[in-house]
Amino acid sequence: MLEGYGQDIHQGATLMTTVLNRRSWVESANGHVDFPLQNLPLGVFSHGQTGARGGVAIGDWIFDLRAATDSGVFQGPAAEVAEVASRDQLNDFLALGAAARQALRAALLQLLDEDSPQRDRLQGVAGLLLPISECTLHMPARVGDYSDFYVGIHHALNVGKLFRPDNPLLPNYKYVPIGYHGRASTLCPSGTAVRRPSGQTLAAGQEFPVFGPCKRLDYELELGVWIGPGNAQGEAIGIDRAAEHIAGLCLLNDWSARDIQAWEYQPLGPFLSKSFATTISPWIVTAEALEPFRRAQPPRPDGDPQPLAYLLDDHDQQGGALDIELEVLLLTAQMKDAGLAPHRLGLSNSLNMYWTVAQMVAHHSVNGCKLQPGDLLGTGTLSGPQEGQYGSLLEMTAGGKQPVTLPNGEERMFLQRGDEVLLRARCHREGHVSIGFGECRGVVLD
């Protein structure tokens, strides 16, 4: 029966994507900043000495899909899908496509609704709900391949102006969704400490490089895109079908060693400067939960070329953009010791993407490149056009020339030992319940 779930449906034709004014019998979900009933993101967790398994975030709790399936909570097709989603990786679930996600979502909405006829029974199932605070969150899928794009045009402009003031954008930027192949092996879930990398650097005015620890460590505020069914090698995913292969999103911090990057990136791009760590938030916020927050792709400035035909689809242009508020905060060791709250460094939005997620997928596969369930795509840094909206210290400090002053008087050009970077994301729309992504955090170790 599960084979039928591989036939996905077009973007926008989703089942029960939003449930206005519905509340959950899980009290902490009602008004929760990230995980109300309307979200229901999926992840992989462990609790105590038990093994890793799939779960759903609801308020301050995890709904244990394995406990639910073992207890016979689900009925019909949703029971089969829930069993697949309860495994120690979500790759098999992602491969099933949108119809399977929607079947599981519809069942969860009914089960967790405050008026659910199974409420009393569910409350009596031992271990069905586990406190998130007592669980370890893992990578939600085994990522076979990770590619990082560069679709945040304001970041591209800001960085380009630092190095090429007269020509900040290279000629291909407005024609090609720029990307490169990253390292899946060093993807890590939120909370994983990040060790400062070492590599070759060339100091200003010097003739020869030296080897040593990075001195210009930076973060990048990005979104991650989880691939669903994917394609066969040699078969491109058309732009009109690309949304069927987008399972959901997460937050992504593409840690960057700017001094190593400056020396190594020509002519083939970054290598050691990016491959040491990439942190993601552990929950997959599904395409169905994000449906109410779709927007028309912002119009291109006058004079910009229209996308080539393989990247242009009217439906995608009318609703392929996402309105997601993105935030990056910093908590230094001194701030933490003093009991201070993290300080916001930047507030941006995913509407700053020059290319849609569907265009990223279509371009990635147009040459026949095989995308597989659980592959991850990064958007690139999603800065806004103004101060206070930047997604990296490289932009905030004008390339390390203007320090950032923190509330306690500390200054930062780049990240120091003990600095903790936090990424957050929220979706808001009038008349709809807001949802969030949870945190993506990592602390710097030397």
Protein backbone atom coordinates (compact mmCIF):
# COMPACT_ATOMS: atom_id res chain seq x y z
CA MET A 1 0.00 0.00 0.00
CA LEU A 2 2.84 2.41 0.77
CA GLU A 3 4.04 2.48 -2.82
CA GLY A 4 1.09 4.69 -3.75
CA TYR A 5 2.32 7.44 -1.51
CA GLY A 6 5.20 8.11 -3.90
CA GLN A 7 2.76 9.90 -6.25
CA ASP A 8 2.92 13.43 -4.91
CA ILE A 9 0.42 16.19 -5.58
CA HIS A 10 1.02 19.69 -6.82
CA GLN A 11 2.06 22.56 -4.55
CA GLY A 12 -0.96 24.12 -2.90
CA ALA A 13 -3.24 21.07 -3.18
CA THR A 14 -2.64 19.96 0.39
CA LEU A 15 -4.93 18.34 2.92
CA MET A 16 -5.69 20.05 6.25
CA THR A 17 -2.63 22.25 6.12
CA THR A 18 -3.96 24.76 8.60
CA VAL A 19 -6.47 24.32 11.38
CA LEU A 20 -7.57 27.73 12.53
CA ASN A 21 -8.69 28.14 16.13
CA ARG A 22 -8.13 24.48 16.96
CA ARG A 23 -6.47 23.72 20.26
CA SER A 24 -4.77 20.66 21.68
CA TRP A 25 -5.32 18.68 24.85
CA VAL A 26 -1.53 19.00 25.23
CA GLU A 27 -1.84 22.27 27.12
CA SER A 28 1.66 23.60 26.46
CA ALA A 29 0.96 23.50 22.71
CA ASN A 30 -1.70 26.20 22.95
CA GLY A 31 0.05 29.49 22.30
CA HIS A 32 3.45 27.78 22.05
CA VAL A 33 5.93 30.01 20.25
CA ASP A 34 7.24 27.17 18.05
CA PHE A 35 5.18 23.99 18.25
CA PRO A 36 1.41 24.54 18.41
CA LEU A 37 -1.02 22.01 16.99
CA GLN A 38 -0.76 23.72 13.60
CA ASN A 39 2.95 22.84 13.21
CA LEU A 40 3.66 19.17 14.08
CA PRO A 41 7.28 18.99 12.87
CA LEU A 42 9.04 15.64 12.75
CA GLY A 43 12.40 14.62 14.16
CA VAL A 44 14.44 11.78 15.62
CA PHE A 45 15.12 11.55 19.35
CA SER A 46 16.17 9.25 22.16
CA HIS A 47 15.09 9.20 25.80
CA GLY A 48 17.12 7.65 28.56
CA GLN A 49 18.62 4.34 27.47
CA THR A 50 16.13 3.79 24.66
CA GLY A 51 17.24 3.86 21.05
CA ALA A 52 16.67 6.64 18.54
CA ARG A 53 13.20 6.83 17.01
CA GLY A 54 10.86 9.22 15.24
CA GLY A 55 8.71 11.73 17.04
CA VAL A 56 6.59 14.85 16.59
CA ALA A 57 7.04 18.09 18.54
CA ILE A 58 3.85 19.32 20.24
CA GLY A 59 4.29 22.14 22.74
CA ASP A 60 6.98 21.20 25.27
CA TRP A 61 6.59 17.50 24.49
CA ILE A 62 7.54 14.88 21.94
CA PHE A 63 4.78 12.59 20.69
CA ASP A 64 6.60 9.25 20.47
CA LEU A 65 5.60 7.66 17.16
CA ARG A 66 7.00 4.28 18.14
CA ALA A 67 4.99 4.20 21.37
CA ALA A 68 1.95 5.29 19.38
CA THR A 69 2.32 2.58 16.75
CA ASP A 70 3.06 -0.10 19.36
CA SER A 71 -0.14 0.92 21.16
CA GLY A 72 -2.29 0.80 18.04
CA VAL A 73 -3.12 4.50 18.21
CA PHE A 74 -3.20 4.97 14.43
CA GLN A 75 -5.75 3.37 12.12
CA GLY A 76 -5.82 2.69 8.38
CA PRO A 77 -3.16 4.04 5.99
CA ALA A 78 -1.87 6.46 8.64
CA ALA A 79 -0.76 3.48 10.74
CA GLU A 80 1.59 2.31 7.99
CA VAL A 81 3.00 5.80 7.49
CA ALA A 82 3.45 6.30 11.24
CA GLU A 83 5.45 3.08 11.47
CA VAL A 84 7.81 4.32 8.75
CA ALA A 85 8.13 7.72 10.48
CA SER A 86 8.87 6.02 13.83
CA ARG A 87 12.19 4.56 12.63
CA ASP A 88 15.62 5.83 13.67
CA GLN A 89 15.88 7.94 10.50
CA LEU A 90 13.27 9.77 8.45
CA ASN A 91 14.72 8.93 5.03
CA ASP A 92 12.16 6.18 4.43
CA PHE A 93 9.34 8.51 5.46
CA LEU A 94 10.61 11.36 3.27
CA ALA A 95 10.72 8.99 0.31
CA LEU A 96 6.95 8.41 0.58
CA GLY A 97 6.11 11.95 -0.53
CA ALA A 98 3.38 14.47 0.18
CA ALA A 99 0.36 12.17 0.30
CA ALA A 100 1.94 10.13 3.10
CA ARG A 101 2.94 13.27 5.03
CA GLN A 102 -0.62 14.54 4.72
CA ALA A 103 -2.12 11.24 5.89
CA LEU A 104 0.05 11.29 9.01
CA ARG A 105 -0.63 14.99 9.60
CA ALA A 106 -4.40 14.52 9.33
CA ALA A 107 -4.28 11.65 11.83
CA LEU A 108 -2.12 13.62 14.27
CA LEU A 109 -4.42 16.63 14.07
CA GLN A 110 -7.37 14.44 15.03
CA LEU A 111 -5.52 12.61 17.79
CA LEU A 112 -4.07 15.72 19.43
CA ASP A 113 -7.11 17.98 19.09
CA GLU A 114 -8.63 18.94 22.44
CA ASP A 115 -11.92 17.38 21.31
CA SER A 116 -10.32 14.14 20.15
CA PRO A 117 -12.54 11.13 20.96
CA GLN A 118 -9.34 9.24 21.83
CA ARG A 119 -8.14 11.86 24.31
CA ASP A 120 -8.69 9.76 27.45
CA ARG A 121 -7.12 6.70 25.89
CA LEU A 122 -4.09 8.63 24.65
CA GLN A 123 -3.50 10.21 28.05
CA GLY A 124 -3.28 6.71 29.48
CA VAL A 125 -0.63 5.41 27.07
CA ALA A 126 2.66 5.19 28.98
CA GLY A 127 5.51 7.07 27.35
CA LEU A 128 3.40 8.50 24.53
CA LEU A 129 4.43 12.05 25.47
CA LEU A 130 7.98 12.74 26.62
CA PRO A 131 9.37 16.12 27.75
CA ILE A 132 11.58 17.63 25.06
CA SER A 133 13.89 18.85 27.83
CA GLU A 134 14.61 15.23 28.83
CA CYS A 135 15.27 13.97 25.30
CA THR A 136 18.32 13.98 23.05
CA LEU A 137 17.58 15.23 19.55
CA HIS A 138 19.49 13.68 16.67
CA MET A 139 19.89 14.38 12.97
CA PRO A 140 16.41 13.76 11.55
CA ALA A 141 17.76 11.91 8.51
CA ARG A 142 20.94 10.32 7.26
CA VAL A 143 22.05 12.93 4.78
CA GLY A 144 23.63 11.37 1.72
CA ASP A 145 24.41 14.67 0.02
CA TYR A 146 24.44 18.30 1.08
CA SER A 147 24.60 21.25 -1.32
CA ASP A 148 24.72 24.92 -0.37
CA PHE A 149 23.27 27.65 -2.55
CA TYR A 150 23.81 31.42 -2.63
CA VAL A 151 20.28 32.72 -3.25
CA GLY A 152 20.29 35.54 -0.68
CA ILE A 153 20.90 38.46 -3.02
CA HIS A 154 21.50 41.06 -0.31
CA HIS A 155 24.23 38.93 1.24
CA ALA A 156 25.75 38.44 -2.20
CA LEU A 157 25.67 42.20 -2.78
CA ASN A 158 27.02 43.07 0.67
CA VAL A 159 29.92 40.64 0.40
CA GLY A 160 30.57 41.54 -3.22
CA LYS A 161 30.89 45.21 -2.31
CA LEU A 162 33.63 44.36 0.20
CA PHE A 163 35.80 42.77 -2.47
CA ARG A 164 34.50 44.21 -5.77
CA PRO A 165 32.94 47.61 -5.00
CA ASP A 166 32.41 48.44 -8.66
CA ASN A 167 31.04 45.03 -9.64
CA PRO A 168 29.59 43.30 -6.55
CA LEU A 169 27.53 40.70 -8.42
CA LEU A 170 29.20 38.48 -10.98
CA PRO A 171 27.39 38.31 -14.34
CA ASN A 172 25.98 34.81 -13.80
CA TYR A 173 24.23 35.54 -10.48
CA LYS A 174 20.90 36.68 -11.97
CA TYR A 175 20.79 33.76 -14.40
CA VAL A 176 22.05 30.82 -12.30
CA PRO A 177 21.05 29.72 -8.78
CA ILE A 178 24.67 29.53 -7.62
CA GLY A 179 25.59 26.56 -5.43
CA TYR A 180 28.37 24.16 -4.47
CA HIS A 181 28.66 20.67 -3.03
CA GLY A 182 29.20 20.62 0.75
CA ARG A 183 30.18 17.96 3.27
CA ALA A 184 27.32 15.84 4.62
CA SER A 185 29.71 14.16 7.08
CA THR A 186 30.03 17.26 9.27
CA LEU A 187 26.37 18.20 9.46
CA CYS A 188 25.36 18.19 13.12
CA PRO A 189 22.20 18.83 15.16
CA SER A 190 21.61 21.88 17.31
CA GLY A 191 23.59 21.88 20.54
CA THR A 192 26.72 20.30 19.08
CA ALA A 193 29.87 22.23 20.03
CA VAL A 194 31.93 23.54 17.12
CA ARG A 195 35.73 23.38 17.27
CA ARG A 196 37.67 26.21 15.70
CA PRO A 197 39.21 24.89 12.48
CA SER A 198 42.80 25.25 11.35
CA GLY A 199 44.08 25.85 7.86
CA GLN A 200 46.24 27.99 5.64
CA THR A 201 45.83 31.77 5.74
CA LEU A 202 47.58 34.65 4.04
CA ALA A 203 47.78 37.80 6.16
CA ALA A 204 47.49 41.21 4.52
CA GLY A 205 50.81 42.38 3.15
CA GLN A 206 52.44 38.96 3.46
CA GLU A 207 53.92 36.98 0.59
CA PHE A 208 53.58 33.46 1.98
CA PRO A 209 50.76 31.66 3.82
CA VAL A 210 50.99 30.18 7.30
CA PHE A 211 49.14 27.30 8.94
CA GLY A 212 47.21 27.78 12.17
CA PRO A 213 43.83 28.23 13.86
CA CYS A 214 41.20 30.32 12.11
CA LYS A 215 41.09 33.90 13.45
CA ARG A 216 37.99 35.05 11.55
CA LEU A 217 35.33 32.51 12.47
CA ASP A 218 31.82 33.45 11.38
CA TYR A 219 28.24 32.14 11.23
CA GLU A 220 25.74 32.24 8.37
CA LEU A 221 21.97 32.52 8.83
CA GLU A 222 20.37 30.08 6.39
CA LEU A 223 17.45 27.75 5.85
CA GLY A 224 17.87 24.07 5.07
CA VAL A 225 15.64 22.32 2.53
CA TRP A 226 14.86 18.61 3.01
CA ILE A 227 14.40 16.58 -0.16
CA GLY A 228 11.48 14.14 -0.36
CA PRO A 229 11.12 11.45 -3.06
CA GLY A 230 13.85 12.73 -5.38
CA ASN A 231 14.61 11.66 -8.95
CA ALA A 232 16.36 8.93 -10.89
CA GLN A 233 19.82 9.67 -12.21
CA GLY A 234 19.61 11.29 -15.63
CA GLU A 235 16.03 12.52 -15.12
CA ALA A 236 15.59 16.21 -14.33
CA ILE A 237 12.90 17.47 -11.94
CA GLY A 238 10.85 20.05 -13.84
CA ILE A 239 10.16 23.39 -12.20
CA ASP A 240 6.42 22.60 -12.32
CA ARG A 241 7.03 19.43 -10.26
CA ALA A 242 9.83 20.60 -7.99
CA ALA A 243 7.56 21.39 -5.03
CA GLU A 244 6.59 17.71 -4.87
CA HIS A 245 10.15 16.90 -3.85
CA ILE A 246 10.38 19.51 -1.05
CA ALA A 247 9.48 17.74 2.19
CA GLY A 248 10.14 20.59 4.61
CA LEU A 249 12.61 23.08 6.03
CA CYS A 250 14.94 23.60 8.98
CA LEU A 251 17.37 26.26 10.16
CA LEU A 252 20.98 25.97 9.07
CA ASN A 253 24.18 27.65 10.31
CA ASP A 254 26.93 27.36 7.72
CA TRP A 255 29.93 28.06 9.98
CA SER A 256 32.63 29.80 7.95
CA ALA A 257 36.37 30.37 8.45
CA ARG A 258 36.71 33.66 6.57
CA ASP A 259 40.50 33.91 6.62
CA ILE A 260 40.93 30.34 5.38
CA GLN A 261 38.23 30.99 2.78
CA ALA A 262 39.90 34.15 1.47
CA TRP A 263 43.12 32.26 0.66
CA GLU A 264 41.67 29.00 -0.68
CA TYR A 265 38.51 29.90 -2.57
CA GLN A 266 40.02 30.77 -5.95
CA PRO A 267 39.45 29.21 -8.42
CA LEU A 268 37.11 26.44 -7.21
CA GLY A 269 35.38 28.01 -4.21
CA PRO A 270 35.41 27.22 -0.47
CA PHE A 271 36.77 23.92 0.83
CA LEU A 272 38.27 23.63 4.34
CA SER A 273 36.72 26.98 5.26
CA LYS A 274 33.23 25.43 5.18
CA SER A 275 33.62 21.67 5.61
CA PHE A 276 34.39 21.56 9.35
CA ALA A 277 30.83 22.02 10.67
CA THR A 278 27.29 22.89 9.60
CA THR A 279 24.62 23.01 12.32
CA ILE A 280 20.91 22.46 11.71
CA SER A 281 17.79 22.66 13.85
CA PRO A 282 16.59 19.10 14.54
CA TRP A 283 12.95 19.41 13.47
CA ILE A 284 11.64 19.15 9.90
CA VAL A 285 8.89 21.75 9.55
CA THR A 286 6.82 20.18 6.80
CA ALA A 287 5.69 21.77 3.57
CA GLU A 288 2.11 21.30 4.76
CA ALA A 289 2.67 23.32 7.94
CA LEU A 290 4.31 26.07 5.87
CA GLU A 291 1.48 26.28 3.32
CA PRO A 292 -0.31 29.27 4.96
CA PHE A 293 2.90 31.29 4.82
CA ARG A 294 3.49 31.06 1.09
CA ARG A 295 3.77 34.29 -0.85
CA ALA A 296 4.31 35.44 -4.39
CA GLN A 297 7.98 35.60 -5.30
CA PRO A 298 9.01 39.28 -4.97
CA PRO A 299 9.30 40.92 -8.40
CA ARG A 300 12.78 41.34 -9.79
CA PRO A 301 14.16 44.88 -10.04
CA ASP A 302 13.71 46.70 -13.33
CA GLY A 303 16.37 45.64 -15.78
CA ASP A 304 16.98 42.21 -14.24
CA PRO A 305 16.59 39.29 -16.66
CA GLN A 306 13.70 36.88 -16.35
CA PRO A 307 14.68 33.31 -15.39
CA LEU A 308 15.37 30.95 -18.26
CA ALA A 309 12.43 28.75 -19.23
CA TYR A 310 13.49 25.71 -17.17
CA LEU A 311 13.43 27.91 -14.04
CA LEU A 312 10.18 29.78 -14.73
CA ASP A 313 6.75 28.54 -13.66
CA ASP A 314 3.74 30.80 -13.11
CA HIS A 315 2.47 28.77 -10.17
CA ASP A 316 5.86 28.94 -8.47
CA GLN A 317 6.09 32.70 -9.08
CA GLN A 318 2.62 33.20 -7.60
CA GLY A 319 3.17 31.16 -4.45
CA GLY A 320 6.65 29.68 -4.31
CA ALA A 321 8.17 32.16 -1.87
CA LEU A 322 7.93 31.73 1.91
CA ASP A 323 7.44 34.43 4.53
CA ILE A 324 9.68 33.26 7.38
CA GLU A 325 11.16 35.68 9.91
CA LEU A 326 14.79 34.76 10.60
CA GLU A 327 16.79 35.82 13.65
CA VAL A 328 20.40 35.38 14.76
CA LEU A 329 21.52 36.00 18.35
CA LEU A 330 24.82 35.83 20.22
CA LEU A 331 25.50 34.77 23.80
CA THR A 332 29.12 35.21 24.88
CA ALA A 333 30.70 33.37 27.81
CA GLN A 334 30.78 36.61 29.82
CA MET A 335 27.12 37.30 29.08
CA LYS A 336 26.21 33.77 30.13
CA ASP A 337 28.16 34.06 33.40
CA ALA A 338 26.39 37.35 34.13
CA GLY A 339 22.97 35.84 33.48
CA LEU A 340 22.33 38.05 30.46
CA ALA A 341 20.00 37.07 27.64
CA PRO A 342 21.31 36.44 24.12
CA HIS A 343 21.70 39.61 22.07
CA ARG A 344 20.05 39.88 18.68
CA LEU A 345 22.54 40.55 15.91
CA GLY A 346 20.22 40.40 12.93
CA LEU A 347 16.58 40.02 11.90
CA SER A 348 15.83 39.07 8.31
CA ASN A 349 13.26 37.21 6.21
CA SER A 350 13.25 34.40 3.67
CA LEU A 351 11.54 36.74 1.20
CA ASN A 352 15.07 38.03 0.57
CA MET A 353 15.70 34.93 -1.57
CA TYR A 354 16.36 35.87 -5.21
CA TRP A 355 15.45 32.31 -6.26
CA THR A 356 12.66 30.12 -4.88
CA VAL A 357 13.26 26.75 -3.28
CA ALA A 358 11.60 25.09 -6.28
CA GLN A 359 14.05 26.86 -8.59
CA MET A 360 16.92 25.53 -6.48
CA VAL A 361 15.63 21.97 -6.83
CA ALA A 362 14.94 22.31 -10.56
CA HIS A 363 18.39 23.75 -11.23
CA HIS A 364 20.18 21.17 -9.08
CA SER A 365 18.63 18.30 -11.03
CA VAL A 366 18.46 19.81 -14.54
CA ASN A 367 21.66 18.03 -15.62
CA GLY A 368 20.33 14.70 -14.37
CA CYS A 369 21.91 14.91 -10.91
CA LYS A 370 20.19 12.44 -8.60
CA LEU A 371 18.52 13.92 -5.52
CA GLN A 372 17.65 11.37 -2.84
CA PRO A 373 15.30 11.27 0.16
CA GLY A 374 17.01 13.02 3.06
CA ASP A 375 19.36 15.11 0.94
CA LEU A 376 19.77 18.64 2.30
CA LEU A 377 20.07 21.94 0.43
CA GLY A 378 21.20 25.17 2.10
CA THR A 379 19.79 28.45 0.84
CA GLY A 380 22.88 30.53 1.47
CA THR A 381 22.94 33.47 3.87
CA LEU A 382 19.59 35.28 3.93
CA SER A 383 20.51 38.84 4.86
CA GLY A 384 18.26 41.83 4.38
CA PRO A 385 19.24 45.06 2.61
CA GLN A 386 19.76 47.19 5.74
CA GLU A 387 21.82 47.28 8.92
CA GLY A 388 20.25 45.10 11.57
CA GLN A 389 19.24 42.58 8.90
CA TYR A 390 22.62 41.00 8.18
CA GLY A 391 23.11 37.25 8.48
CA SER A 392 26.87 37.18 9.10
CA LEU A 393 29.56 39.03 11.03
CA LEU A 394 31.44 39.53 7.77
CA GLU A 395 28.69 41.94 6.73
CA MET A 396 28.11 43.48 10.16
CA THR A 397 31.78 44.37 10.63
CA ALA A 398 32.39 45.42 7.00
CA GLY A 399 34.91 42.64 6.58
CA GLY A 400 36.42 42.93 10.06
CA LYS A 401 36.87 46.72 10.09
CA GLN A 402 34.00 47.88 12.33
CA PRO A 403 33.51 45.98 15.60
CA VAL A 404 30.09 45.03 16.91
CA THR A 405 29.51 46.36 20.44
CA LEU A 406 27.44 44.09 22.69
CA PRO A 407 25.20 45.25 25.59
CA ASN A 408 27.83 44.36 28.22
CA GLY A 409 30.53 46.37 26.45
CA GLU A 410 32.27 43.45 24.76
CA GLU A 411 33.24 43.86 21.12
CA ARG A 412 33.31 41.34 18.33
CA MET A 413 34.85 41.34 14.89
CA PHE A 414 34.47 37.57 14.62
CA LEU A 415 33.55 34.73 16.97
CA GLN A 416 35.63 33.97 20.04
CA ARG A 417 35.95 30.98 22.37
CA GLY A 418 32.75 30.38 24.33
CA ASP A 419 30.54 32.37 21.97
CA GLU A 420 27.20 30.69 21.36
CA VAL A 421 25.28 31.46 18.17
CA LEU A 422 21.51 30.93 18.14
CA LEU A 423 19.29 30.93 15.06
CA ARG A 424 15.50 31.16 15.30
CA ALA A 425 12.68 31.30 12.77
CA ARG A 426 9.00 32.24 12.99
CA CYS A 427 6.11 32.25 10.53
CA HIS A 428 3.41 34.89 11.09
CA ARG A 429 0.29 35.74 9.12
CA GLU A 430 -2.87 37.54 10.16
CA GLY A 431 -5.67 35.09 10.77
CA HIS A 432 -3.30 32.13 11.17
CA VAL A 433 -1.59 30.54 14.14
CA SER A 434 2.14 31.34 14.17
CA ILE A 435 4.64 28.51 14.08
CA GLY A 436 8.39 28.28 14.67
CA PHE A 437 11.36 26.08 13.90
CA GLY A 438 12.91 25.62 17.35
CA GLU A 439 16.50 26.71 17.91
CA CYS A 440 19.67 26.04 15.98
CA ARG A 441 22.52 26.68 18.39
CA GLY A 442 26.21 25.96 18.68
CA VAL A 443 29.03 27.10 20.97
CA VAL A 444 32.58 27.73 19.78
CA LEU A 445 35.42 25.71 21.32
CA ASP A 446 39.13 26.19 20.64
